[in-house]
Every structure is written in C-alpha cells, then in structure tokens.
PDB file of N, CA and C in Angstrom:
ATOM      1  N   MET A   1      11.476  10.211  13.740  1.00  0.00           N
ATOM      2  CA  MET A   1      12.407   9.170  13.363  1.00  0.00           C
ATOM      3  C   MET A   1      12.431   9.072  11.849  1.00  0.00           C
ATOM      4  N   ALA A   2      13.597   8.912  11.288  1.00  0.00           N
ATOM      5  CA  ALA A   2      13.747   8.818   9.836  1.00  0.00           C
ATOM      6  C   ALA A   2      13.214   7.485   9.329  1.00  0.00           C
ATOM      7  N   SER A   3      12.619   7.529   8.162  1.00  0.00           N
ATOM      8  CA  SER A   3      12.138   6.317   7.512  1.00  0.00           C
ATOM      9  C   SER A   3      13.332   5.423   7.213  1.00  0.00           C
ATOM     10  N   LYS A   4      13.118   4.089   7.279  1.00  0.00           N
ATOM     11  CA  LYS A   4      14.242   3.204   6.998  1.00  0.00           C
ATOM     12  C   LYS A   4      14.642   3.249   5.531  1.00  0.00           C
ATOM     13  N   ASN A   5      13.773   3.820   4.661  1.00  0.00           N
ATOM     14  CA  ASN A   5      14.106   3.990   3.245  1.00  0.00           C
ATOM     15  C   ASN A   5      14.781   5.329   2.978  1.00  0.00           C
ATOM     16  N   SER A   6      14.859   6.175   3.982  1.00  0.00           N
ATOM     17  CA  SER A   6      15.459   7.496   3.835  1.00  0.00           C
ATOM     18  C   SER A   6      16.976   7.368   3.694  1.00  0.00           C
ATOM     19  N   PRO A   7      17.578   8.188   2.819  1.00  0.00           N
ATOM     20  CA  PRO A   7      19.044   8.134   2.681  1.00  0.00           C
ATOM     21  C   PRO A   7      19.775   8.794   3.853  1.00  0.00           C
ATOM     22  N   PHE A   8      19.041   9.462   4.719  1.00  0.00           N
ATOM     23  CA  PHE A   8      19.667  10.168   5.825  1.00  0.00           C
ATOM     24  C   PHE A   8      19.417   9.454   7.145  1.00  0.00           C
ATOM     25  N   ASN A   9      20.428   9.390   7.972  1.00  0.00           N
ATOM     26  CA  ASN A   9      20.302   8.909   9.328  1.00  0.00           C
ATOM     27  C   ASN A   9      20.381  10.158  10.189  1.00  0.00           C
ATOM     28  N   CYS A  10      19.276  10.605  10.721  1.00  0.00           N
ATOM     29  CA  CYS A  10      19.205  11.925  11.348  1.00  0.00           C
ATOM     30  C   CYS A  10      19.318  11.885  12.862  1.00  0.00           C
ATOM     31  N   THR A  11      20.328  11.223  13.392  1.00  0.00           N
ATOM     32  CA  THR A  11      20.571  11.315  14.815  1.00  0.00           C
ATOM     33  C   THR A  11      21.307  12.611  15.082  1.00  0.00           C
ATOM     34  N   SER A  12      21.301  13.059  16.319  1.00  0.00           N
ATOM     35  CA  SER A  12      21.988  14.314  16.640  1.00  0.00           C
ATOM     36  C   SER A  12      23.492  14.211  16.370  1.00  0.00           C
ATOM     37  N   ILE A  13      24.077  13.046  16.566  1.00  0.00           N
ATOM     38  CA  ILE A  13      25.505  12.870  16.295  1.00  0.00           C
ATOM     39  C   ILE A  13      25.776  13.011  14.807  1.00  0.00           C
ATOM     40  N   ASP A  14      24.910  12.415  13.981  1.00  0.00           N
ATOM     41  CA  ASP A  14      25.094  12.524  12.527  1.00  0.00           C
ATOM     42  C   ASP A  14      24.962  13.968  12.069  1.00  0.00           C
ATOM     43  N   LEU A  15      23.995  14.686  12.627  1.00  0.00           N
ATOM     44  CA  LEU A  15      23.813  16.088  12.251  1.00  0.00           C
ATOM     45  C   LEU A  15      25.010  16.933  12.680  1.00  0.00           C
ATOM     46  N   GLU A  16      25.531  16.665  13.860  1.00  0.00           N
ATOM     47  CA  GLU A  16      26.703  17.401  14.342  1.00  0.00           C
ATOM     48  C   GLU A  16      27.923  17.120  13.473  1.00  0.00           C
ATOM     49  N   LEU A  17      28.133  15.871  13.106  1.00  0.00           N
ATOM     50  CA  LEU A  17      29.264  15.522  12.242  1.00  0.00           C
ATOM     51  C   LEU A  17      29.126  16.178  10.873  1.00  0.00           C
ATOM     52  N   GLU A  18      27.919  16.238  10.349  1.00  0.00           N
ATOM     53  CA  GLU A  18      27.703  16.902   9.061  1.00  0.00           C
ATOM     54  C   GLU A  18      27.971  18.401   9.181  1.00  0.00           C
ATOM     55  N   ALA A  19      27.529  19.019  10.282  1.00  0.00           N
ATOM     56  CA  ALA A  19      27.770  20.454  10.488  1.00  0.00           C
ATOM     57  C   ALA A  19      29.265  20.736  10.604  1.00  0.00           C
ATOM     58  N   ILE A  20      30.004  19.874  11.285  1.00  0.00           N
ATOM     59  CA  ILE A  20      31.451  20.056  11.407  1.00  0.00           C
ATOM     60  C   ILE A  20      32.123  19.878  10.043  1.00  0.00           C
ATOM     61  N   LYS A  21      31.632  18.932   9.253  1.00  0.00           N
ATOM     62  CA  LYS A  21      32.158  18.752   7.895  1.00  0.00           C
ATOM     63  C   LYS A  21      31.934  20.016   7.062  1.00  0.00           C
ATOM     64  N   ARG A  22      30.770  20.615   7.177  1.00  0.00           N
ATOM     65  CA  ARG A  22      30.473  21.855   6.450  1.00  0.00           C
ATOM     66  C   ARG A  22      31.305  23.020   6.990  1.00  0.00           C
ATOM     67  N   PHE A  23      31.537  23.030   8.303  1.00  0.00           N
ATOM     68  CA  PHE A  23      32.395  24.053   8.909  1.00  0.00           C
ATOM     69  C   PHE A  23      33.785  23.987   8.280  1.00  0.00           C
ATOM     70  N   ARG A  24      34.331  22.796   8.168  1.00  0.00           N
ATOM     71  CA  ARG A  24      35.652  22.634   7.551  1.00  0.00           C
ATOM     72  C   ARG A  24      35.640  23.088   6.089  1.00  0.00           C
ATOM     73  N   PHE A  25      34.529  22.879   5.387  1.00  0.00           N
ATOM     74  CA  PHE A  25      34.405  23.330   4.001  1.00  0.00           C
ATOM     75  C   PHE A  25      34.442  24.856   3.931  1.00  0.00           C
ATOM     76  N   LEU A  26      33.802  25.537   4.902  1.00  0.00           N
ATOM     77  CA  LEU A  26      33.783  27.000   4.934  1.00  0.00           C
ATOM     78  C   LEU A  26      35.126  27.584   5.377  1.00  0.00           C
ATOM     79  N   ALA A  27      35.969  26.755   5.964  1.00  0.00           N
ATOM     80  CA  ALA A  27      37.288  27.207   6.442  1.00  0.00           C
ATOM     81  C   ALA A  27      38.367  26.280   5.894  1.00  0.00           C
ATOM     82  N   PRO A  28      38.592  26.313   4.573  1.00  0.00           N
ATOM     83  CA  PRO A  28      39.544  25.375   3.970  1.00  0.00           C
ATOM     84  C   PRO A  28      40.990  25.581   4.432  1.00  0.00           C
ATOM     85  N   PHE A  29      41.285  26.729   5.032  1.00  0.00           N
ATOM     86  CA  PHE A  29      42.635  27.011   5.533  1.00  0.00           C
ATOM     87  C   PHE A  29      42.903  26.336   6.868  1.00  0.00           C
ATOM     88  N   LEU A  30      41.865  25.767   7.487  1.00  0.00           N
ATOM     89  CA  LEU A  30      42.031  25.071   8.761  1.00  0.00           C
ATOM     90  C   LEU A  30      42.804  23.774   8.501  1.00  0.00           C
ATOM     91  N   PRO A  31      43.914  23.552   9.205  1.00  0.00           N
ATOM     92  CA  PRO A  31      44.716  22.354   8.943  1.00  0.00           C
ATOM     93  C   PRO A  31      43.901  21.072   9.180  1.00  0.00           C
ATOM     94  N   PRO A  32      44.064  20.081   8.333  1.00  0.00           N
ATOM     95  CA  PRO A  32      43.320  18.832   8.510  1.00  0.00           C
ATOM     96  C   PRO A  32      43.656  18.134   9.827  1.00  0.00           C
ATOM     97  N   GLU A  33      44.855  18.398  10.369  1.00  0.00           N
ATOM     98  CA  GLU A  33      45.245  17.783  11.646  1.00  0.00           C
ATOM     99  C   GLU A  33      44.550  18.429  12.842  1.00  0.00           C
ATOM    100  N   CYS A  34      43.951  19.592  12.654  1.00  0.00           N
ATOM    101  CA  CYS A  34      43.267  20.283  13.745  1.00  0.00           C
ATOM    102  C   CYS A  34      41.984  19.525  14.095  1.00  0.00           C
ATOM    103  N   ARG A  35      41.859  19.163  15.335  1.00  0.00           N
ATOM    104  CA  ARG A  35      40.666  18.434  15.802  1.00  0.00           C
ATOM    105  C   ARG A  35      39.567  19.456  16.094  1.00  0.00           C
ATOM    106  N   VAL A  36      38.378  19.233  15.523  1.00  0.00           N
ATOM    107  CA  VAL A  36      37.244  20.133  15.713  1.00  0.00           C
ATOM    108  C   VAL A  36      36.137  19.343  16.405  1.00  0.00           C
ATOM    109  N   TYR A  37      35.661  19.869  17.541  1.00  0.00           N
ATOM    110  CA  TYR A  37      34.598  19.187  18.291  1.00  0.00           C
ATOM    111  C   TYR A  37      33.853  20.196  19.145  1.00  0.00           C
ATOM    112  N   ARG A  38      32.679  19.793  19.611  1.00  0.00           N
ATOM    113  CA  ARG A  38      31.889  20.656  20.496  1.00  0.00           C
ATOM    114  C   ARG A  38      31.914  20.101  21.908  1.00  0.00           C
ATOM    115  N   GLU A  39      31.847  21.014  22.887  1.00  0.00           N
ATOM    116  CA  GLU A  39      31.756  20.599  24.292  1.00  0.00           C
ATOM    117  C   GLU A  39      31.012  21.665  25.072  1.00  0.00           C
ATOM    118  N   LEU A  40      30.562  21.313  26.263  1.00  0.00           N
ATOM    119  CA  LEU A  40      29.903  22.287  27.130  1.00  0.00           C
ATOM    120  C   LEU A  40      30.906  23.314  27.603  1.00  0.00           C
ATOM    121  N   SER A  41      30.455  24.537  27.707  1.00  0.00           N
ATOM    122  CA  SER A  41      31.314  25.626  28.157  1.00  0.00           C
ATOM    123  C   SER A  41      31.763  25.395  29.587  1.00  0.00           C
ATOM    124  N   GLU A  42      33.035  25.666  29.852  1.00  0.00           N
ATOM    125  CA  GLU A  42      33.556  25.577  31.211  1.00  0.00           C
ATOM    126  C   GLU A  42      33.081  26.770  32.047  1.00  0.00           C
ATOM    127  N   LEU A  43      32.624  27.839  31.368  1.00  0.00           N
ATOM    128  CA  LEU A  43      32.210  29.043  32.088  1.00  0.00           C
ATOM    129  C   LEU A  43      30.885  28.862  32.815  1.00  0.00           C
ATOM    130  N   ASN A  44      29.880  28.304  32.102  1.00  0.00           N
ATOM    131  CA  ASN A  44      28.587  28.163  32.768  1.00  0.00           C
ATOM    132  C   ASN A  44      28.005  26.761  32.659  1.00  0.00           C
ATOM    133  N   GLY A  45      28.592  25.897  31.859  1.00  0.00           N
ATOM    134  CA  GLY A  45      28.131  24.524  31.762  1.00  0.00           C
ATOM    135  C   GLY A  45      26.817  24.346  31.034  1.00  0.00           C
ATOM    136  N   ARG A  46      26.273  25.434  30.480  1.00  0.00           N
ATOM    137  CA  ARG A  46      24.989  25.341  29.786  1.00  0.00           C
ATOM    138  C   ARG A  46      25.102  25.560  28.293  1.00  0.00           C
ATOM    139  N   SER A  47      26.025  26.373  27.852  1.00  0.00           N
ATOM    140  CA  SER A  47      26.148  26.638  26.419  1.00  0.00           C
ATOM    141  C   SER A  47      27.236  25.753  25.817  1.00  0.00           C
ATOM    142  N   THR A  48      27.150  25.579  24.523  1.00  0.00           N
ATOM    143  CA  THR A  48      28.111  24.750  23.804  1.00  0.00           C
ATOM    144  C   THR A  48      29.126  25.636  23.115  1.00  0.00           C
ATOM    145  N   VAL A  49      30.370  25.223  23.155  1.00  0.00           N
ATOM    146  CA  VAL A  49      31.439  25.933  22.452  1.00  0.00           C
ATOM    147  C   VAL A  49      32.024  24.999  21.408  1.00  0.00           C
ATOM    148  N   LEU A  50      32.574  25.578  20.359  1.00  0.00           N
ATOM    149  CA  LEU A  50      33.266  24.801  19.346  1.00  0.00           C
ATOM    150  C   LEU A  50      34.757  24.877  19.658  1.00  0.00           C
ATOM    151  N   CYS A  51      35.374  23.723  19.826  1.00  0.00           N
ATOM    152  CA  CYS A  51      36.795  23.663  20.173  1.00  0.00           C
ATOM    153  C   CYS A  51      37.616  23.300  18.954  1.00  0.00           C
ATOM    154  N   LEU A  52      38.724  23.988  18.801  1.00  0.00           N
ATOM    155  CA  LEU A  52      39.688  23.684  17.755  1.00  0.00           C
ATOM    156  C   LEU A  52      40.995  23.350  18.459  1.00  0.00           C
ATOM    157  N   ASP A  53      41.382  22.082  18.409  1.00  0.00           N
ATOM    158  CA  ASP A  53      42.573  21.617  19.109  1.00  0.00           C
ATOM    159  C   ASP A  53      43.716  21.464  18.112  1.00  0.00           C
ATOM    160  N   PHE A  54      44.747  22.292  18.287  1.00  0.00           N
ATOM    161  CA  PHE A  54      45.896  22.321  17.392  1.00  0.00           C
ATOM    162  C   PHE A  54      47.070  21.495  17.923  1.00  0.00           C
ATOM    163  N   SER A  55      46.825  20.556  18.834  1.00  0.00           N
ATOM    164  CA  SER A  55      47.940  19.797  19.419  1.00  0.00           C
ATOM    165  C   SER A  55      48.693  18.969  18.384  1.00  0.00           C
ATOM    166  N   ALA A  56      48.039  18.561  17.310  1.00  0.00           N
ATOM    167  CA  ALA A  56      48.716  17.791  16.261  1.00  0.00           C
ATOM    168  C   ALA A  56      49.429  18.695  15.252  1.00  0.00           C
ATOM    169  N   CYS A  57      49.183  20.002  15.352  1.00  0.00           N
ATOM    170  CA  CYS A  57      49.808  20.947  14.411  1.00  0.00           C
ATOM    171  C   CYS A  57      50.045  22.293  15.111  1.00  0.00           C
ATOM    172  N   PRO A  58      50.822  22.315  16.203  1.00  0.00           N
ATOM    173  CA  PRO A  58      51.004  23.551  16.980  1.00  0.00           C
ATOM    174  C   PRO A  58      51.646  24.681  16.186  1.00  0.00           C
ATOM    175  N   GLN A  59      52.401  24.368  15.146  1.00  0.00           N
ATOM    176  CA  GLN A  59      53.031  25.410  14.334  1.00  0.00           C
ATOM    177  C   GLN A  59      51.980  26.298  13.659  1.00  0.00           C
ATOM    178  N   ASP A  60      50.761  25.795  13.457  1.00  0.00           N
ATOM    179  CA  ASP A  60      49.719  26.585  12.813  1.00  0.00           C
ATOM    180  C   ASP A  60      49.114  27.636  13.744  1.00  0.00           C
ATOM    181  N   LEU A  61      49.450  27.590  15.019  1.00  0.00           N
ATOM    182  CA  LEU A  61      49.010  28.619  15.960  1.00  0.00           C
ATOM    183  C   LEU A  61      49.947  29.820  15.956  1.00  0.00           C
ATOM    184  N   GLU A  62      51.098  29.685  15.327  1.00  0.00           N
ATOM    185  CA  GLU A  62      52.097  30.744  15.324  1.00  0.00           C
ATOM    186  C   GLU A  62      51.819  31.734  14.196  1.00  0.00           C
ATOM    187  N   MET A  63      51.076  32.777  14.517  1.00  0.00           N
ATOM    188  CA  MET A  63      50.791  33.839  13.549  1.00  0.00           C
ATOM    189  C   MET A  63      50.684  35.145  14.306  1.00  0.00           C
ATOM    190  N   ASN A  64      50.775  36.253  13.594  1.00  0.00           N
ATOM    191  CA  ASN A  64      50.723  37.539  14.280  1.00  0.00           C
ATOM    192  C   ASN A  64      49.290  37.870  14.709  1.00  0.00           C
ATOM    193  N   GLN A  65      49.139  38.881  15.531  1.00  0.00           N
ATOM    194  CA  GLN A  65      47.850  39.240  16.122  1.00  0.00           C
ATOM    195  C   GLN A  65      46.794  39.561  15.059  1.00  0.00           C
ATOM    196  N   GLN A  66      47.164  40.279  14.010  1.00  0.00           N
ATOM    197  CA  GLN A  66      46.204  40.643  12.954  1.00  0.00           C
ATOM    198  C   GLN A  66      45.712  39.404  12.210  1.00  0.00           C
ATOM    199  N   GLU A  67      46.632  38.504  11.864  1.00  0.00           N
ATOM    200  CA  GLU A  67      46.249  37.263  11.188  1.00  0.00           C
ATOM    201  C   GLU A  67      45.335  36.429  12.085  1.00  0.00           C
ATOM    202  N   TRP A  68      45.677  36.349  13.353  1.00  0.00           N
ATOM    203  CA  TRP A  68      44.894  35.578  14.320  1.00  0.00           C
ATOM    204  C   TRP A  68      43.476  36.136  14.424  1.00  0.00           C
ATOM    205  N   GLN A  69      43.335  37.446  14.483  1.00  0.00           N
ATOM    206  CA  GLN A  69      42.025  38.097  14.601  1.00  0.00           C
ATOM    207  C   GLN A  69      41.163  37.781  13.377  1.00  0.00           C
ATOM    208  N   GLU A  70      41.717  37.920  12.174  1.00  0.00           N
ATOM    209  CA  GLU A  70      40.966  37.651  10.951  1.00  0.00           C
ATOM    210  C   GLU A  70      40.585  36.173  10.855  1.00  0.00           C
ATOM    211  N   PHE A  71      41.498  35.301  11.193  1.00  0.00           N
ATOM    212  CA  PHE A  71      41.285  33.860  11.202  1.00  0.00           C
ATOM    213  C   PHE A  71      40.135  33.507  12.149  1.00  0.00           C
ATOM    214  N   ALA A  72      40.200  34.018  13.361  1.00  0.00           N
ATOM    215  CA  ALA A  72      39.193  33.712  14.381  1.00  0.00           C
ATOM    216  C   ALA A  72      37.823  34.260  13.992  1.00  0.00           C
ATOM    217  N   GLU A  73      37.772  35.470  13.446  1.00  0.00           N
ATOM    218  CA  GLU A  73      36.484  36.057  13.056  1.00  0.00           C
ATOM    219  C   GLU A  73      35.792  35.229  11.981  1.00  0.00           C
ATOM    220  N   LEU A  74      36.536  34.780  10.989  1.00  0.00           N
ATOM    221  CA  LEU A  74      35.950  33.955   9.942  1.00  0.00           C
ATOM    222  C   LEU A  74      35.431  32.638  10.513  1.00  0.00           C
ATOM    223  N   LEU A  75      36.186  32.035  11.422  1.00  0.00           N
ATOM    224  CA  LEU A  75      35.763  30.779  12.034  1.00  0.00           C
ATOM    225  C   LEU A  75      34.518  30.961  12.902  1.00  0.00           C
ATOM    226  N   VAL A  76      34.454  32.068  13.653  1.00  0.00           N
ATOM    227  CA  VAL A  76      33.278  32.332  14.491  1.00  0.00           C
ATOM    228  C   VAL A  76      32.043  32.544  13.616  1.00  0.00           C
ATOM    229  N   HIS A  77      32.190  33.306  12.547  1.00  0.00           N
ATOM    230  CA  HIS A  77      31.058  33.516  11.634  1.00  0.00           C
ATOM    231  C   HIS A  77      30.584  32.184  11.047  1.00  0.00           C
ATOM    232  N   SER A  78      31.506  31.351  10.630  1.00  0.00           N
ATOM    233  CA  SER A  78      31.152  30.049  10.053  1.00  0.00           C
ATOM    234  C   SER A  78      30.438  29.175  11.077  1.00  0.00           C
ATOM    235  N   SER A  79      30.941  29.149  12.290  1.00  0.00           N
ATOM    236  CA  SER A  79      30.325  28.357  13.356  1.00  0.00           C
ATOM    237  C   SER A  79      28.914  28.853  13.671  1.00  0.00           C
ATOM    238  N   HIS A  80      28.763  30.160  13.762  1.00  0.00           N
ATOM    239  CA  HIS A  80      27.452  30.752  14.043  1.00  0.00           C
ATOM    240  C   HIS A  80      26.479  30.462  12.898  1.00  0.00           C
ATOM    241  N   TYR A  81      26.932  30.634  11.669  1.00  0.00           N
ATOM    242  CA  TYR A  81      26.106  30.400  10.483  1.00  0.00           C
ATOM    243  C   TYR A  81      25.545  28.975  10.460  1.00  0.00           C
ATOM    244  N   LEU A  82      26.371  28.002  10.849  1.00  0.00           N
ATOM    245  CA  LEU A  82      25.954  26.595  10.843  1.00  0.00           C
ATOM    246  C   LEU A  82      25.219  26.185  12.113  1.00  0.00           C
ATOM    247  N   GLY A  83      25.124  27.090  13.081  1.00  0.00           N
ATOM    248  CA  GLY A  83      24.431  26.773  14.328  1.00  0.00           C
ATOM    249  C   GLY A  83      25.213  25.851  15.245  1.00  0.00           C
ATOM    250  N   LEU A  84      26.529  25.789  15.060  1.00  0.00           N
ATOM    251  CA  LEU A  84      27.350  24.930  15.910  1.00  0.00           C
ATOM    252  C   LEU A  84      27.568  25.540  17.282  1.00  0.00           C
ATOM    253  N   ALA A  85      27.941  26.810  17.312  1.00  0.00           N
ATOM    254  CA  ALA A  85      28.210  27.497  18.583  1.00  0.00           C
ATOM    255  C   ALA A  85      28.462  28.969  18.302  1.00  0.00           C
ATOM    256  N   ASN A  86      28.313  29.783  19.338  1.00  0.00           N
ATOM    257  CA  ASN A  86      28.626  31.213  19.239  1.00  0.00           C
ATOM    258  C   ASN A  86      29.978  31.535  19.854  1.00  0.00           C
ATOM    259  N   TYR A  87      30.637  30.530  20.408  1.00  0.00           N
ATOM    260  CA  TYR A  87      31.954  30.700  21.016  1.00  0.00           C
ATOM    261  C   TYR A  87      32.919  29.695  20.419  1.00  0.00           C
ATOM    262  N   LEU A  88      34.136  30.131  20.153  1.00  0.00           N
ATOM    263  CA  LEU A  88      35.206  29.247  19.728  1.00  0.00           C
ATOM    264  C   LEU A  88      36.269  29.237  20.807  1.00  0.00           C
ATOM    265  N   VAL A  89      36.817  28.072  21.056  1.00  0.00           N
ATOM    266  CA  VAL A  89      37.929  27.929  21.988  1.00  0.00           C
ATOM    267  C   VAL A  89      39.076  27.304  21.211  1.00  0.00           C
ATOM    268  N   PHE A  90      40.212  27.976  21.224  1.00  0.00           N
ATOM    269  CA  PHE A  90      41.406  27.488  20.544  1.00  0.00           C
ATOM    270  C   PHE A  90      42.290  26.809  21.580  1.00  0.00           C
ATOM    271  N   LYS A  91      42.654  25.554  21.309  1.00  0.00           N
ATOM    272  CA  LYS A  91      43.410  24.771  22.280  1.00  0.00           C
ATOM    273  C   LYS A  91      44.672  24.191  21.667  1.00  0.00           C
ATOM    274  N   ASN A  92      45.595  23.882  22.560  1.00  0.00           N
ATOM    275  CA  ASN A  92      46.772  23.097  22.225  1.00  0.00           C
ATOM    276  C   ASN A  92      46.803  21.988  23.263  1.00  0.00           C
ATOM    277  N   GLY A  93      46.129  20.890  22.956  1.00  0.00           N
ATOM    278  CA  GLY A  93      45.932  19.817  23.931  1.00  0.00           C
ATOM    279  C   GLY A  93      44.928  20.269  24.979  1.00  0.00           C
ATOM    280  N   ASP A  94      45.286  20.147  26.239  1.00  0.00           N
ATOM    281  CA  ASP A  94      44.404  20.562  27.335  1.00  0.00           C
ATOM    282  C   ASP A  94      44.494  22.058  27.645  1.00  0.00           C
ATOM    283  N   ARG A  95      45.451  22.733  27.039  1.00  0.00           N
ATOM    284  CA  ARG A  95      45.686  24.151  27.334  1.00  0.00           C
ATOM    285  C   ARG A  95      44.890  25.045  26.381  1.00  0.00           C
ATOM    286  N   THR A  96      44.094  25.938  26.935  1.00  0.00           N
ATOM    287  CA  THR A  96      43.362  26.918  26.142  1.00  0.00           C
ATOM    288  C   THR A  96      44.306  28.058  25.797  1.00  0.00           C
ATOM    289  N   VAL A  97      44.416  28.375  24.498  1.00  0.00           N
ATOM    290  CA  VAL A  97      45.331  29.436  24.066  1.00  0.00           C
ATOM    291  C   VAL A  97      44.580  30.674  23.574  1.00  0.00           C
ATOM    292  N   GLY A  98      43.274  30.569  23.425  1.00  0.00           N
ATOM    293  CA  GLY A  98      42.481  31.709  23.011  1.00  0.00           C
ATOM    294  C   GLY A  98      41.018  31.343  22.864  1.00  0.00           C
ATOM    295  N   TRP A  99      40.189  32.362  22.820  1.00  0.00           N
ATOM    296  CA  TRP A  99      38.774  32.142  22.595  1.00  0.00           C
ATOM    297  C   TRP A  99      38.175  33.392  21.973  1.00  0.00           C
ATOM    298  N   MET A 100      37.027  33.224  21.332  1.00  0.00           N
ATOM    299  CA  MET A 100      36.339  34.355  20.726  1.00  0.00           C
ATOM    300  C   MET A 100      34.845  34.068  20.722  1.00  0.00           C
ATOM    301  N   SER A 101      34.086  35.130  20.937  1.00  0.00           N
ATOM    302  CA  SER A 101      32.628  35.057  20.941  1.00  0.00           C
ATOM    303  C   SER A 101      32.072  35.763  19.714  1.00  0.00           C
ATOM    304  N   PHE A 102      30.977  35.277  19.196  1.00  0.00           N
ATOM    305  CA  PHE A 102      30.303  35.937  18.073  1.00  0.00           C
ATOM    306  C   PHE A 102      29.918  37.359  18.462  1.00  0.00           C
ATOM    307  N   ASN A 103      29.545  37.576  19.709  1.00  0.00           N
ATOM    308  CA  ASN A 103      29.137  38.900  20.189  1.00  0.00           C
ATOM    309  C   ASN A 103      30.284  39.914  20.156  1.00  0.00           C
ATOM    310  N   GLN A 104      31.526  39.445  20.187  1.00  0.00           N
ATOM    311  CA  GLN A 104      32.677  40.344  20.150  1.00  0.00           C
ATOM    312  C   GLN A 104      32.875  40.969  18.774  1.00  0.00           C
ATOM    313  N   ILE A 105      32.340  40.355  17.736  1.00  0.00           N
ATOM    314  CA  ILE A 105      32.632  40.831  16.383  1.00  0.00           C
ATOM    315  C   ILE A 105      31.428  41.419  15.660  1.00  0.00           C
ATOM    316  N   VAL A 106      30.242  41.341  16.267  1.00  0.00           N
ATOM    317  CA  VAL A 106      29.066  41.928  15.605  1.00  0.00           C
ATOM    318  C   VAL A 106      28.741  43.279  16.177  1.00  0.00           C
TER     319      VAL A 106
END
C-alpha cells in the first residue's frame, strides 16, 4: 500500500490509466476521439486485449492495407512495450473490424 505522503496512488486502475496515457504518447497519430481500454479476450477469457474503439471517428479506419499494417504494428509494439496487452482489437462500436497479435509481427 502506498504511503499517504506518497505522490502516487498505486491502485491497479491508476496504473492502467497511466499506461494508457503513455500508450497514447507513443502513438500520437491515434485520434483523441478513439476510445482505448482493456478487456478480457473473447477467445479464451483469460488474457487481456487492448481495444481501440473508433466509433466516434470511423473515418480514421479508412486507410489502405499497407497503412493499416504499419499502423497496427506500431500500436502492438507500443502496447507490448508498456505491458498492456499482446493483442489489439480494432472496433467500431460493438463490431470488431480487425485484430493483431504481437506474435504475428515478431
């Protein structure tokens, strides 16, 4: 438990919010309207995935395959580096439009 004189409040939620803030810093091209959050994987329910929801900015999902691949790889590396998740899920509201695993690019 953090000392009450400590400048940091080290709950898991605070640490996750700080990691997401740093993730956004590593990916400045990510639109501010894009919602970034973590959730349990729908595949096995045990691992955590990082979700990027573009429902507030769907026009930012419209890019060619090469741009999408480079964009996703940088985001996966950033997520892995910060320990957020090894999988990214790209969403438009409740609809999954893509995903990428760190293992696919290493």
